[in-house]
């Protein structure tokens, strides 16, 4: 899987998770169908399906066959969630950079150095 596909899937999943945490989708509410979400986002339905499955695995939603994805009651420890999110992003970076390179990028970021 290419780097851009991993990043796209992660962005879609994290965006829906954020919307759920912020209350844009409430408990019992349906997320858009995989087909509708893929059309709205301009991505392959498999990308949305994978994002939804990850959301289900993380407890944000429940996938009911032939019905759709329903938001579950969600209460998380925000600090732990943030740490887990950072860890997931670091795991992705590890596929492309050494630990020392990642550490230097983080140090530069904290100092305000731009890597564009």
PDB file of N, CA and C in Angstrom:
ATOM      1  N   UNK A   1       0.857  -1.177   0.000  1.00  0.00           N
ATOM      2  CA  UNK A   1       0.000   0.000   0.000  1.00  0.00           C
ATOM      3  C   UNK A   1       0.899   1.235   0.000  1.00  0.00           C
ATOM      4  N   UNK A   2       0.574   2.180  -0.839  1.00  0.00           N
ATOM      5  CA  UNK A   2       1.407   3.373  -0.944  1.00  0.00           C
ATOM      6  C   UNK A   2       1.225   4.281   0.264  1.00  0.00           C
ATOM      7  N   UNK A   3       2.207   5.159   0.444  1.00  0.00           N
ATOM      8  CA  UNK A   3       2.193   6.106   1.562  1.00  0.00           C
ATOM      9  C   UNK A   3       0.955   6.995   1.501  1.00  0.00           C
ATOM     10  N   UNK A   4       0.574   7.443   0.295  1.00  0.00           N
ATOM     11  CA  UNK A   4      -0.571   8.342   0.173  1.00  0.00           C
ATOM     12  C   UNK A   4      -1.873   7.635   0.527  1.00  0.00           C
ATOM     13  N   UNK A   5      -1.990   6.337   0.193  1.00  0.00           N
ATOM     14  CA  UNK A   5      -3.202   5.593   0.542  1.00  0.00           C
ATOM     15  C   UNK A   5      -3.307   5.390   2.049  1.00  0.00           C
ATOM     16  N   UNK A   6      -2.199   5.125   2.700  1.00  0.00           N
ATOM     17  CA  UNK A   6      -2.199   4.983   4.163  1.00  0.00           C
ATOM     18  C   UNK A   6      -2.602   6.305   4.797  1.00  0.00           C
ATOM     19  N   UNK A   7      -2.033   7.367   4.313  1.00  0.00           N
ATOM     20  CA  UNK A   7      -2.325   8.678   4.874  1.00  0.00           C
ATOM     21  C   UNK A   7      -3.791   9.054   4.650  1.00  0.00           C
ATOM     22  N   UNK A   8      -4.337   8.762   3.470  1.00  0.00           N
ATOM     23  CA  UNK A   8      -5.724   9.076   3.162  1.00  0.00           C
ATOM     24  C   UNK A   8      -6.666   8.299   4.075  1.00  0.00           C
ATOM     25  N   UNK A   9      -6.434   7.014   4.214  1.00  0.00           N
ATOM     26  CA  UNK A   9      -7.260   6.186   5.090  1.00  0.00           C
ATOM     27  C   UNK A   9      -7.213   6.707   6.521  1.00  0.00           C
ATOM     28  N   UNK A  10      -6.029   7.045   6.989  1.00  0.00           N
ATOM     29  CA  UNK A  10      -5.861   7.546   8.352  1.00  0.00           C
ATOM     30  C   UNK A  10      -6.589   8.873   8.538  1.00  0.00           C
ATOM     31  N   UNK A  11      -6.472   9.753   7.567  1.00  0.00           N
ATOM     32  CA  UNK A  11      -7.146  11.050   7.648  1.00  0.00           C
ATOM     33  C   UNK A  11      -8.657  10.891   7.709  1.00  0.00           C
ATOM     34  N   UNK A  12      -9.211  10.004   6.899  1.00  0.00           N
ATOM     35  CA  UNK A  12     -10.662   9.788   6.906  1.00  0.00           C
ATOM     36  C   UNK A  12     -11.107   9.236   8.252  1.00  0.00           C
ATOM     37  N   UNK A  13     -10.393   8.247   8.746  1.00  0.00           N
ATOM     38  CA  UNK A  13     -10.742   7.640  10.036  1.00  0.00           C
ATOM     39  C   UNK A  13     -10.653   8.668  11.153  1.00  0.00           C
ATOM     40  N   UNK A  14      -9.548   9.401  11.197  1.00  0.00           N
ATOM     41  CA  UNK A  14      -9.358  10.385  12.264  1.00  0.00           C
ATOM     42  C   UNK A  14     -10.384  11.513  12.176  1.00  0.00           C
ATOM     43  N   UNK A  15     -10.767  11.891  10.967  1.00  0.00           N
ATOM     44  CA  UNK A  15     -11.769  12.944  10.823  1.00  0.00           C
ATOM     45  C   UNK A  15     -13.116  12.500  11.382  1.00  0.00           C
ATOM     46  N   UNK A  16     -13.547  11.282  11.053  1.00  0.00           N
ATOM     47  CA  UNK A  16     -14.807  10.777  11.607  1.00  0.00           C
ATOM     48  C   UNK A  16     -14.714  10.625  13.123  1.00  0.00           C
ATOM     49  N   UNK A  17     -13.581  10.155  13.626  1.00  0.00           N
ATOM     50  CA  UNK A  17     -13.406  10.000  15.073  1.00  0.00           C
ATOM     51  C   UNK A  17     -13.512  11.362  15.762  1.00  0.00           C
ATOM     52  N   UNK A  18     -12.890  12.373  15.172  1.00  0.00           N
ATOM     53  CA  UNK A  18     -12.956  13.714  15.735  1.00  0.00           C
ATOM     54  C   UNK A  18     -14.395  14.236  15.747  1.00  0.00           C
ATOM     55  N   UNK A  19     -15.108  14.030  14.646  1.00  0.00           N
ATOM     56  CA  UNK A  19     -16.503  14.473  14.576  1.00  0.00           C
ATOM     57  C   UNK A  19     -17.356  13.783  15.642  1.00  0.00           C
ATOM     58  N   UNK A  20     -17.096  12.515  15.884  1.00  0.00           N
ATOM     59  CA  UNK A  20     -17.838  11.781  16.920  1.00  0.00           C
ATOM     60  C   UNK A  20     -17.491  12.337  18.298  1.00  0.00           C
ATOM     61  N   UNK A  21     -16.196  12.534  18.559  1.00  0.00           N
ATOM     62  CA  UNK A  21     -15.775  13.059  19.863  1.00  0.00           C
ATOM     63  C   UNK A  21     -16.341  14.450  20.120  1.00  0.00           C
ATOM     64  N   UNK A  22     -16.429  15.256  19.084  1.00  0.00           N
ATOM     65  CA  UNK A  22     -16.919  16.631  19.233  1.00  0.00           C
ATOM     66  C   UNK A  22     -18.447  16.707  19.252  1.00  0.00           C
ATOM     67  N   UNK A  23     -19.135  15.575  19.024  1.00  0.00           N
ATOM     68  CA  UNK A  23     -20.588  15.561  19.097  1.00  0.00           C
ATOM     69  C   UNK A  23     -21.306  15.872  17.795  1.00  0.00           C
ATOM     70  N   UNK A  24     -20.570  15.933  16.686  1.00  0.00           N
ATOM     71  CA  UNK A  24     -21.218  16.166  15.393  1.00  0.00           C
ATOM     72  C   UNK A  24     -22.086  14.973  15.010  1.00  0.00           C
ATOM     73  N   UNK A  25     -21.678  13.795  15.435  1.00  0.00           N
ATOM     74  CA  UNK A  25     -22.488  12.583  15.304  1.00  0.00           C
ATOM     75  C   UNK A  25     -22.773  12.103  16.717  1.00  0.00           C
ATOM     76  N   UNK A  26     -24.032  11.912  17.018  1.00  0.00           N
ATOM     77  CA  UNK A  26     -24.433  11.535  18.366  1.00  0.00           C
ATOM     78  C   UNK A  26     -24.684  10.030  18.466  1.00  0.00           C
ATOM     79  N   UNK A  27     -24.728   9.551  19.690  1.00  0.00           N
ATOM     80  CA  UNK A  27     -24.996   8.143  19.939  1.00  0.00           C
ATOM     81  C   UNK A  27     -26.273   7.727  19.221  1.00  0.00           C
ATOM     82  N   UNK A  28     -26.197   6.611  18.493  1.00  0.00           N
ATOM     83  CA  UNK A  28     -27.346   6.083  17.773  1.00  0.00           C
ATOM     84  C   UNK A  28     -27.525   6.649  16.376  1.00  0.00           C
ATOM     85  N   UNK A  29     -26.774   7.679  16.056  1.00  0.00           N
ATOM     86  CA  UNK A  29     -26.882   8.299  14.735  1.00  0.00           C
ATOM     87  C   UNK A  29     -26.086   7.491  13.712  1.00  0.00           C
ATOM     88  N   UNK A  30     -26.587   7.461  12.495  1.00  0.00           N
ATOM     89  CA  UNK A  30     -25.923   6.740  11.416  1.00  0.00           C
ATOM     90  C   UNK A  30     -24.848   7.620  10.781  1.00  0.00           C
ATOM     91  N   UNK A  31     -23.706   7.017  10.502  1.00  0.00           N
ATOM     92  CA  UNK A  31     -22.719   7.681   9.664  1.00  0.00           C
ATOM     93  C   UNK A  31     -23.198   7.567   8.218  1.00  0.00           C
ATOM     94  N   UNK A  32     -22.666   8.396   7.328  1.00  0.00           N
ATOM     95  CA  UNK A  32     -23.042   8.246   5.920  1.00  0.00           C
ATOM     96  C   UNK A  32     -22.710   6.829   5.443  1.00  0.00           C
ATOM     97  N   UNK A  33     -23.503   6.332   4.495  1.00  0.00           N
ATOM     98  CA  UNK A  33     -23.202   5.010   3.951  1.00  0.00           C
ATOM     99  C   UNK A  33     -21.803   5.039   3.345  1.00  0.00           C
ATOM    100  N   UNK A  34     -21.193   3.870   3.233  1.00  0.00           N
ATOM    101  CA  UNK A  34     -19.858   3.774   2.637  1.00  0.00           C
ATOM    102  C   UNK A  34     -19.889   4.380   1.237  1.00  0.00           C
ATOM    103  N   UNK A  35     -20.937   4.061   0.490  1.00  0.00           N
ATOM    104  CA  UNK A  35     -21.047   4.573  -0.878  1.00  0.00           C
ATOM    105  C   UNK A  35     -21.150   6.097  -0.886  1.00  0.00           C
ATOM    106  N   UNK A  36     -22.041   6.656  -0.066  1.00  0.00           N
ATOM    107  CA  UNK A  36     -22.205   8.103  -0.035  1.00  0.00           C
ATOM    108  C   UNK A  36     -20.943   8.813   0.448  1.00  0.00           C
ATOM    109  N   UNK A  37     -20.323   8.262   1.480  1.00  0.00           N
ATOM    110  CA  UNK A  37     -19.091   8.881   1.994  1.00  0.00           C
ATOM    111  C   UNK A  37     -17.991   8.831   0.936  1.00  0.00           C
ATOM    112  N   UNK A  38     -17.883   7.714   0.222  1.00  0.00           N
ATOM    113  CA  UNK A  38     -16.833   7.610  -0.799  1.00  0.00           C
ATOM    114  C   UNK A  38     -17.088   8.593  -1.939  1.00  0.00           C
ATOM    115  N   UNK A  39     -18.360   8.788  -2.307  1.00  0.00           N
ATOM    116  CA  UNK A  39     -18.684   9.765  -3.342  1.00  0.00           C
ATOM    117  C   UNK A  39     -18.388  11.184  -2.864  1.00  0.00           C
ATOM    118  N   UNK A  40     -18.800  11.498  -1.629  1.00  0.00           N
ATOM    119  CA  UNK A  40     -18.569  12.835  -1.072  1.00  0.00           C
ATOM    120  C   UNK A  40     -17.084  13.153  -0.959  1.00  0.00           C
ATOM    121  N   UNK A  41     -16.301  12.140  -0.562  1.00  0.00           N
ATOM    122  CA  UNK A  41     -14.871  12.351  -0.336  1.00  0.00           C
ATOM    123  C   UNK A  41     -14.030  12.128  -1.596  1.00  0.00           C
ATOM    124  N   UNK A  42     -14.640  11.548  -2.616  1.00  0.00           N
ATOM    125  CA  UNK A  42     -13.906  11.281  -3.850  1.00  0.00           C
ATOM    126  C   UNK A  42     -12.860  10.201  -3.708  1.00  0.00           C
ATOM    127  N   UNK A  43     -13.187   9.175  -2.910  1.00  0.00           N
ATOM    128  CA  UNK A  43     -12.246   8.077  -2.690  1.00  0.00           C
ATOM    129  C   UNK A  43     -12.928   6.748  -3.005  1.00  0.00           C
ATOM    130  N   UNK A  44     -12.130   5.713  -3.078  1.00  0.00           N
ATOM    131  CA  UNK A  44     -12.634   4.365  -3.308  1.00  0.00           C
ATOM    132  C   UNK A  44     -13.459   3.918  -2.105  1.00  0.00           C
ATOM    133  N   UNK A  45     -14.590   3.236  -2.323  1.00  0.00           N
ATOM    134  CA  UNK A  45     -15.389   2.743  -1.198  1.00  0.00           C
ATOM    135  C   UNK A  45     -14.599   1.856  -0.232  1.00  0.00           C
ATOM    136  N   UNK A  46     -13.614   1.125  -0.755  1.00  0.00           N
ATOM    137  CA  UNK A  46     -12.801   0.275   0.128  1.00  0.00           C
ATOM    138  C   UNK A  46     -12.033   1.099   1.158  1.00  0.00           C
ATOM    139  N   UNK A  47     -11.631   2.305   0.793  1.00  0.00           N
ATOM    140  CA  UNK A  47     -10.922   3.183   1.722  1.00  0.00           C
ATOM    141  C   UNK A  47     -11.837   3.587   2.868  1.00  0.00           C
ATOM    142  N   UNK A  48     -13.080   3.943   2.542  1.00  0.00           N
ATOM    143  CA  UNK A  48     -14.052   4.316   3.573  1.00  0.00           C
ATOM    144  C   UNK A  48     -14.400   3.101   4.423  1.00  0.00           C
ATOM    145  N   UNK A  49     -14.587   1.946   3.786  1.00  0.00           N
ATOM    146  CA  UNK A  49     -14.920   0.723   4.521  1.00  0.00           C
ATOM    147  C   UNK A  49     -13.830   0.395   5.531  1.00  0.00           C
ATOM    148  N   UNK A  50     -12.573   0.540   5.113  1.00  0.00           N
ATOM    149  CA  UNK A  50     -11.460   0.262   6.029  1.00  0.00           C
ATOM    150  C   UNK A  50     -11.458   1.254   7.192  1.00  0.00           C
ATOM    151  N   UNK A  51     -11.723   2.529   6.896  1.00  0.00           N
ATOM    152  CA  UNK A  51     -11.779   3.542   7.956  1.00  0.00           C
ATOM    153  C   UNK A  51     -12.904   3.211   8.932  1.00  0.00           C
ATOM    154  N   UNK A  52     -14.074   2.831   8.416  1.00  0.00           N
ATOM    155  CA  UNK A  52     -15.205   2.470   9.275  1.00  0.00           C
ATOM    156  C   UNK A  52     -14.875   1.251  10.130  1.00  0.00           C
ATOM    157  N   UNK A  53     -14.202   0.266   9.535  1.00  0.00           N
ATOM    158  CA  UNK A  53     -13.853  -0.937  10.305  1.00  0.00           C
ATOM    159  C   UNK A  53     -12.905  -0.581  11.451  1.00  0.00           C
ATOM    160  N   UNK A  54     -11.946   0.289  11.191  1.00  0.00           N
ATOM    161  CA  UNK A  54     -11.045   0.735  12.255  1.00  0.00           C
ATOM    162  C   UNK A  54     -11.808   1.489  13.345  1.00  0.00           C
ATOM    163  N   UNK A  55     -12.757   2.328  12.941  1.00  0.00           N
ATOM    164  CA  UNK A  55     -13.582   3.043  13.921  1.00  0.00           C
ATOM    165  C   UNK A  55     -14.368   2.051  14.777  1.00  0.00           C
ATOM    166  N   UNK A  56     -14.855   0.986  14.158  1.00  0.00           N
ATOM    167  CA  UNK A  56     -15.570  -0.049  14.911  1.00  0.00           C
ATOM    168  C   UNK A  56     -14.615  -0.765  15.861  1.00  0.00           C
ATOM    169  N   UNK A  57     -13.432  -1.092  15.382  1.00  0.00           N
ATOM    170  CA  UNK A  57     -12.430  -1.767  16.221  1.00  0.00           C
ATOM    171  C   UNK A  57     -12.038  -0.910  17.420  1.00  0.00           C
ATOM    172  N   UNK A  58     -12.058   0.421  17.238  1.00  0.00           N
ATOM    173  CA  UNK A  58     -11.685   1.335  18.313  1.00  0.00           C
ATOM    174  C   UNK A  58     -12.876   1.725  19.192  1.00  0.00           C
ATOM    175  N   UNK A  59     -14.064   1.201  18.876  1.00  0.00           N
ATOM    176  CA  UNK A  59     -15.224   1.422  19.734  1.00  0.00           C
ATOM    177  C   UNK A  59     -16.042   2.667  19.448  1.00  0.00           C
ATOM    178  N   UNK A  60     -15.750   3.351  18.369  1.00  0.00           N
ATOM    179  CA  UNK A  60     -16.513   4.551  18.032  1.00  0.00           C
ATOM    180  C   UNK A  60     -17.886   4.217  17.441  1.00  0.00           C
ATOM    181  N   UNK A  61     -17.910   3.182  16.617  1.00  0.00           N
ATOM    182  CA  UNK A  61     -19.145   2.843  15.909  1.00  0.00           C
ATOM    183  C   UNK A  61     -19.401   1.343  15.985  1.00  0.00           C
ATOM    184  N   UNK A  62     -20.615   0.986  15.626  1.00  0.00           N
ATOM    185  CA  UNK A  62     -20.974  -0.416  15.449  1.00  0.00           C
ATOM    186  C   UNK A  62     -21.453  -0.564  14.020  1.00  0.00           C
ATOM    187  N   UNK A  63     -20.930  -1.548  13.323  1.00  0.00           N
ATOM    188  CA  UNK A  63     -21.348  -1.803  11.952  1.00  0.00           C
ATOM    189  C   UNK A  63     -22.401  -2.896  11.976  1.00  0.00           C
ATOM    190  N   UNK A  64     -23.575  -2.563  11.488  1.00  0.00           N
ATOM    191  CA  UNK A  64     -24.679  -3.516  11.437  1.00  0.00           C
ATOM    192  C   UNK A  64     -24.904  -3.876   9.974  1.00  0.00           C
ATOM    193  N   UNK A  65     -24.692  -5.157   9.631  1.00  0.00           N
ATOM    194  CA  UNK A  65     -24.845  -5.554   8.224  1.00  0.00           C
ATOM    195  C   UNK A  65     -26.210  -5.148   7.653  1.00  0.00           C
ATOM    196  N   UNK A  66     -26.182  -4.651   6.443  1.00  0.00           N
ATOM    197  CA  UNK A  66     -27.357  -4.221   5.676  1.00  0.00           C
ATOM    198  C   UNK A  66     -28.070  -3.020   6.289  1.00  0.00           C
ATOM    199  N   UNK A  67     -27.494  -2.447   7.350  1.00  0.00           N
ATOM    200  CA  UNK A  67     -28.091  -1.272   7.961  1.00  0.00           C
ATOM    201  C   UNK A  67     -27.128  -0.093   7.911  1.00  0.00           C
ATOM    202  N   UNK A  68     -25.887  -0.309   8.326  1.00  0.00           N
ATOM    203  CA  UNK A  68     -24.902   0.753   8.268  1.00  0.00           C
ATOM    204  C   UNK A  68     -24.075   0.856   9.524  1.00  0.00           C
ATOM    205  N   UNK A  69     -23.424   1.989   9.655  1.00  0.00           N
ATOM    206  CA  UNK A  69     -22.530   2.265  10.781  1.00  0.00           C
ATOM    207  C   UNK A  69     -23.222   3.213  11.739  1.00  0.00           C
ATOM    208  N   UNK A  70     -23.389   2.773  12.980  1.00  0.00           N
ATOM    209  CA  UNK A  70     -24.094   3.541  14.001  1.00  0.00           C
ATOM    210  C   UNK A  70     -23.109   3.957  15.082  1.00  0.00           C
ATOM    211  N   UNK A  71     -23.185   5.215  15.467  1.00  0.00           N
ATOM    212  CA  UNK A  71     -22.291   5.739  16.499  1.00  0.00           C
ATOM    213  C   UNK A  71     -22.652   5.124  17.846  1.00  0.00           C
ATOM    214  N   UNK A  72     -21.637   4.637  18.521  1.00  0.00           N
ATOM    215  CA  UNK A  72     -21.816   4.107  19.871  1.00  0.00           C
ATOM    216  C   UNK A  72     -21.546   5.225  20.876  1.00  0.00           C
ATOM    217  N   UNK A  73     -22.029   5.047  22.079  1.00  0.00           N
ATOM    218  CA  UNK A  73     -21.691   6.013  23.118  1.00  0.00           C
ATOM    219  C   UNK A  73     -20.181   5.995  23.266  1.00  0.00           C
ATOM    220  N   UNK A  74     -19.596   7.160  23.251  1.00  0.00           N
ATOM    221  CA  UNK A  74     -18.150   7.210  23.285  1.00  0.00           C
ATOM    222  C   UNK A  74     -17.671   8.125  24.393  1.00  0.00           C
ATOM    223  N   UNK A  75     -16.930   7.552  25.303  1.00  0.00           N
ATOM    224  CA  UNK A  75     -16.272   8.364  26.323  1.00  0.00           C
ATOM    225  C   UNK A  75     -14.850   7.845  26.443  1.00  0.00           C
ATOM    226  N   UNK A  76     -13.933   8.705  26.149  1.00  0.00           N
ATOM    227  CA  UNK A  76     -12.531   8.296  26.170  1.00  0.00           C
ATOM    228  C   UNK A  76     -11.731   9.251  27.035  1.00  0.00           C
ATOM    229  N   UNK A  77     -10.612   8.768  27.432  1.00  0.00           N
ATOM    230  CA  UNK A  77      -9.652   9.594  28.135  1.00  0.00           C
ATOM    231  C   UNK A  77      -8.924  10.411  27.071  1.00  0.00           C
ATOM    232  N   UNK A  78      -9.180  11.725  26.977  1.00  0.00           N
ATOM    233  CA  UNK A  78      -8.594  12.515  25.892  1.00  0.00           C
ATOM    234  C   UNK A  78      -7.076  12.472  25.842  1.00  0.00           C
ATOM    235  N   UNK A  79      -6.425  12.451  26.998  1.00  0.00           N
ATOM    236  CA  UNK A  79      -4.964  12.412  26.980  1.00  0.00           C
ATOM    237  C   UNK A  79      -4.456  11.090  26.409  1.00  0.00           C
ATOM    238  N   UNK A  80      -5.087   9.992  26.797  1.00  0.00           N
ATOM    239  CA  UNK A  80      -4.672   8.686  26.292  1.00  0.00           C
ATOM    240  C   UNK A  80      -4.938   8.599  24.793  1.00  0.00           C
ATOM    241  N   UNK A  81      -6.060   9.138  24.368  1.00  0.00           N
ATOM    242  CA  UNK A  81      -6.393   9.124  22.943  1.00  0.00           C
ATOM    243  C   UNK A  81      -5.366   9.919  22.144  1.00  0.00           C
ATOM    244  N   UNK A  82      -4.950  11.045  22.659  1.00  0.00           N
ATOM    245  CA  UNK A  82      -3.945  11.858  21.986  1.00  0.00           C
ATOM    246  C   UNK A  82      -2.624  11.102  21.883  1.00  0.00           C
ATOM    247  N   UNK A  83      -2.225  10.463  22.959  1.00  0.00           N
ATOM    248  CA  UNK A  83      -0.982   9.682  22.950  1.00  0.00           C
ATOM    249  C   UNK A  83      -1.078   8.549  21.933  1.00  0.00           C
ATOM    250  N   UNK A  84      -2.221   7.862  21.891  1.00  0.00           N
ATOM    251  CA  UNK A  84      -2.400   6.776  20.927  1.00  0.00           C
ATOM    252  C   UNK A  84      -2.364   7.296  19.493  1.00  0.00           C
ATOM    253  N   UNK A  85      -2.946   8.448  19.258  1.00  0.00           N
ATOM    254  CA  UNK A  85      -2.934   9.052  17.927  1.00  0.00           C
ATOM    255  C   UNK A  85      -1.507   9.378  17.500  1.00  0.00           C
ATOM    256  N   UNK A  86      -0.740   9.955  18.403  1.00  0.00           N
ATOM    257  CA  UNK A  86       0.658  10.273  18.112  1.00  0.00           C
ATOM    258  C   UNK A  86       1.442   8.995  17.848  1.00  0.00           C
ATOM    259  N   UNK A  87       1.184   7.958  18.621  1.00  0.00           N
ATOM    260  CA  UNK A  87       1.883   6.688  18.423  1.00  0.00           C
ATOM    261  C   UNK A  87       1.570   6.092  17.056  1.00  0.00           C
ATOM    262  N   UNK A  88       0.309   6.192  16.617  1.00  0.00           N
ATOM    263  CA  UNK A  88      -0.059   5.673  15.295  1.00  0.00           C
ATOM    264  C   UNK A  88       0.675   6.440  14.201  1.00  0.00           C
ATOM    265  N   UNK A  89       0.749   7.759  14.337  1.00  0.00           N
ATOM    266  CA  UNK A  89       1.456   8.563  13.343  1.00  0.00           C
ATOM    267  C   UNK A  89       2.951   8.243  13.342  1.00  0.00           C
ATOM    268  N   UNK A  90       3.521   8.039  14.522  1.00  0.00           N
ATOM    269  CA  UNK A  90       4.942   7.681  14.603  1.00  0.00           C
ATOM    270  C   UNK A  90       5.200   6.321  13.957  1.00  0.00           C
ATOM    271  N   UNK A  91       4.277   5.387  14.127  1.00  0.00           N
ATOM    272  CA  UNK A  91       4.422   4.078  13.494  1.00  0.00           C
ATOM    273  C   UNK A  91       4.462   4.219  11.968  1.00  0.00           C
ATOM    274  N   UNK A  92       3.652   5.115  11.437  1.00  0.00           N
ATOM    275  CA  UNK A  92       3.669   5.352   9.991  1.00  0.00           C
ATOM    276  C   UNK A  92       5.004   5.973   9.587  1.00  0.00           C
ATOM    277  N   UNK A  93       5.464   6.954  10.356  1.00  0.00           N
ATOM    278  CA  UNK A  93       6.749   7.588  10.043  1.00  0.00           C
ATOM    279  C   UNK A  93       7.901   6.584  10.073  1.00  0.00           C
ATOM    280  N   UNK A  94       7.826   5.602  10.969  1.00  0.00           N
ATOM    281  CA  UNK A  94       8.907   4.614  11.100  1.00  0.00           C
ATOM    282  C   UNK A  94       9.090   3.789   9.833  1.00  0.00           C
ATOM    283  N   UNK A  95       8.060   3.730   8.993  1.00  0.00           N
ATOM    284  CA  UNK A  95       8.209   2.983   7.740  1.00  0.00           C
ATOM    285  C   UNK A  95       9.055   3.756   6.726  1.00  0.00           C
ATOM    286  N   UNK A  96       9.241   5.045   6.966  1.00  0.00           N
ATOM    287  CA  UNK A  96       9.969   5.878   6.007  1.00  0.00           C
ATOM    288  C   UNK A  96      11.232   6.514   6.571  1.00  0.00           C
ATOM    289  N   UNK A  97      11.328   6.620   7.895  1.00  0.00           N
ATOM    290  CA  UNK A  97      12.441   7.312   8.525  1.00  0.00           C
ATOM    291  C   UNK A  97      13.018   6.481   9.667  1.00  0.00           C
ATOM    292  N   UNK A  98      14.283   6.723   9.955  1.00  0.00           N
ATOM    293  CA  UNK A  98      14.898   6.072  11.114  1.00  0.00           C
ATOM    294  C   UNK A  98      14.442   6.792  12.374  1.00  0.00           C
ATOM    295  N   UNK A  99      14.648   6.150  13.508  1.00  0.00           N
ATOM    296  CA  UNK A  99      14.291   6.775  14.784  1.00  0.00           C
ATOM    297  C   UNK A  99      15.025   8.100  14.987  1.00  0.00           C
ATOM    298  N   UNK A 100      16.304   8.142  14.611  1.00  0.00           N
ATOM    299  CA  UNK A 100      17.075   9.378  14.754  1.00  0.00           C
ATOM    300  C   UNK A 100      16.515  10.484  13.867  1.00  0.00           C
ATOM    301  N   UNK A 101      16.109  10.133  12.641  1.00  0.00           N
ATOM    302  CA  UNK A 101      15.527  11.144  11.752  1.00  0.00           C
ATOM    303  C   UNK A 101      14.210  11.677  12.315  1.00  0.00           C
ATOM    304  N   UNK A 102      13.391  10.781  12.834  1.00  0.00           N
ATOM    305  CA  UNK A 102      12.114  11.201  13.427  1.00  0.00           C
ATOM    306  C   UNK A 102      12.369  12.109  14.627  1.00  0.00           C
ATOM    307  N   UNK A 103      13.324  11.724  15.461  1.00  0.00           N
ATOM    308  CA  UNK A 103      13.655  12.535  16.626  1.00  0.00           C
ATOM    309  C   UNK A 103      14.119  13.928  16.215  1.00  0.00           C
ATOM    310  N   UNK A 104      14.946  14.014  15.173  1.00  0.00           N
ATOM    311  CA  UNK A 104      15.408  15.316  14.686  1.00  0.00           C
ATOM    312  C   UNK A 104      14.251  16.138  14.124  1.00  0.00           C
ATOM    313  N   UNK A 105      13.350  15.509  13.415  1.00  0.00           N
ATOM    314  CA  UNK A 105      12.175  16.215  12.889  1.00  0.00           C
ATOM    315  C   UNK A 105      11.348  16.778  14.039  1.00  0.00           C
ATOM    316  N   UNK A 106      11.121  15.964  15.068  1.00  0.00           N
ATOM    317  CA  UNK A 106      10.340  16.418  16.218  1.00  0.00           C
ATOM    318  C   UNK A 106      11.042  17.553  16.968  1.00  0.00           C
ATOM    319  N   UNK A 107      12.346  17.429  17.151  1.00  0.00           N
ATOM    320  CA  UNK A 107      13.100  18.490  17.830  1.00  0.00           C
ATOM    321  C   UNK A 107      13.004  19.794  17.039  1.00  0.00           C
ATOM    322  N   UNK A 108      13.197  19.695  15.717  1.00  0.00           N
ATOM    323  CA  UNK A 108      13.099  20.888  14.873  1.00  0.00           C
ATOM    324  C   UNK A 108      11.701  21.481  14.929  1.00  0.00           C
ATOM    325  N   UNK A 109      10.705  20.633  14.919  1.00  0.00           N
ATOM    326  CA  UNK A 109       9.315  21.117  14.988  1.00  0.00           C
ATOM    327  C   UNK A 109       9.078  21.892  16.285  1.00  0.00           C
ATOM    328  N   UNK A 110       9.546  21.332  17.378  1.00  0.00           N
ATOM    329  CA  UNK A 110       9.356  21.992  18.665  1.00  0.00           C
ATOM    330  C   UNK A 110      10.131  23.306  18.762  1.00  0.00           C
ATOM    331  N   UNK A 111      11.222  23.400  17.995  1.00  0.00           N
ATOM    332  CA  UNK A 111      11.987  24.648  17.949  1.00  0.00           C
ATOM    333  C   UNK A 111      11.377  25.631  16.956  1.00  0.00           C
ATOM    334  N   UNK A 112      10.424  25.177  16.138  1.00  0.00           N
ATOM    335  CA  UNK A 112       9.777  26.049  15.175  1.00  0.00           C
ATOM    336  C   UNK A 112      10.423  26.051  13.802  1.00  0.00           C
ATOM    337  N   UNK A 113      11.253  25.042  13.515  1.00  0.00           N
ATOM    338  CA  UNK A 113      11.899  24.947  12.207  1.00  0.00           C
ATOM    339  C   UNK A 113      10.941  24.302  11.228  1.00  0.00           C
ATOM    340  N   UNK A 114      10.801  24.900  10.032  1.00  0.00           N
ATOM    341  CA  UNK A 114       9.898  24.387   9.006  1.00  0.00           C
ATOM    342  C   UNK A 114      10.652  23.437   8.066  1.00  0.00           C
ATOM    343  N   UNK A 115      10.063  22.242   7.784  1.00  0.00           N
ATOM    344  CA  UNK A 115      10.697  21.237   6.922  1.00  0.00           C
ATOM    345  C   UNK A 115      10.068  21.155   5.546  1.00  0.00           C
ATOM    346  N   UNK A 116       9.397  22.192   5.071  1.00  0.00           N
ATOM    347  CA  UNK A 116       8.741  22.132   3.751  1.00  0.00           C
ATOM    348  C   UNK A 116       9.721  22.072   2.626  1.00  0.00           C
TER     349      UNK A 116
END
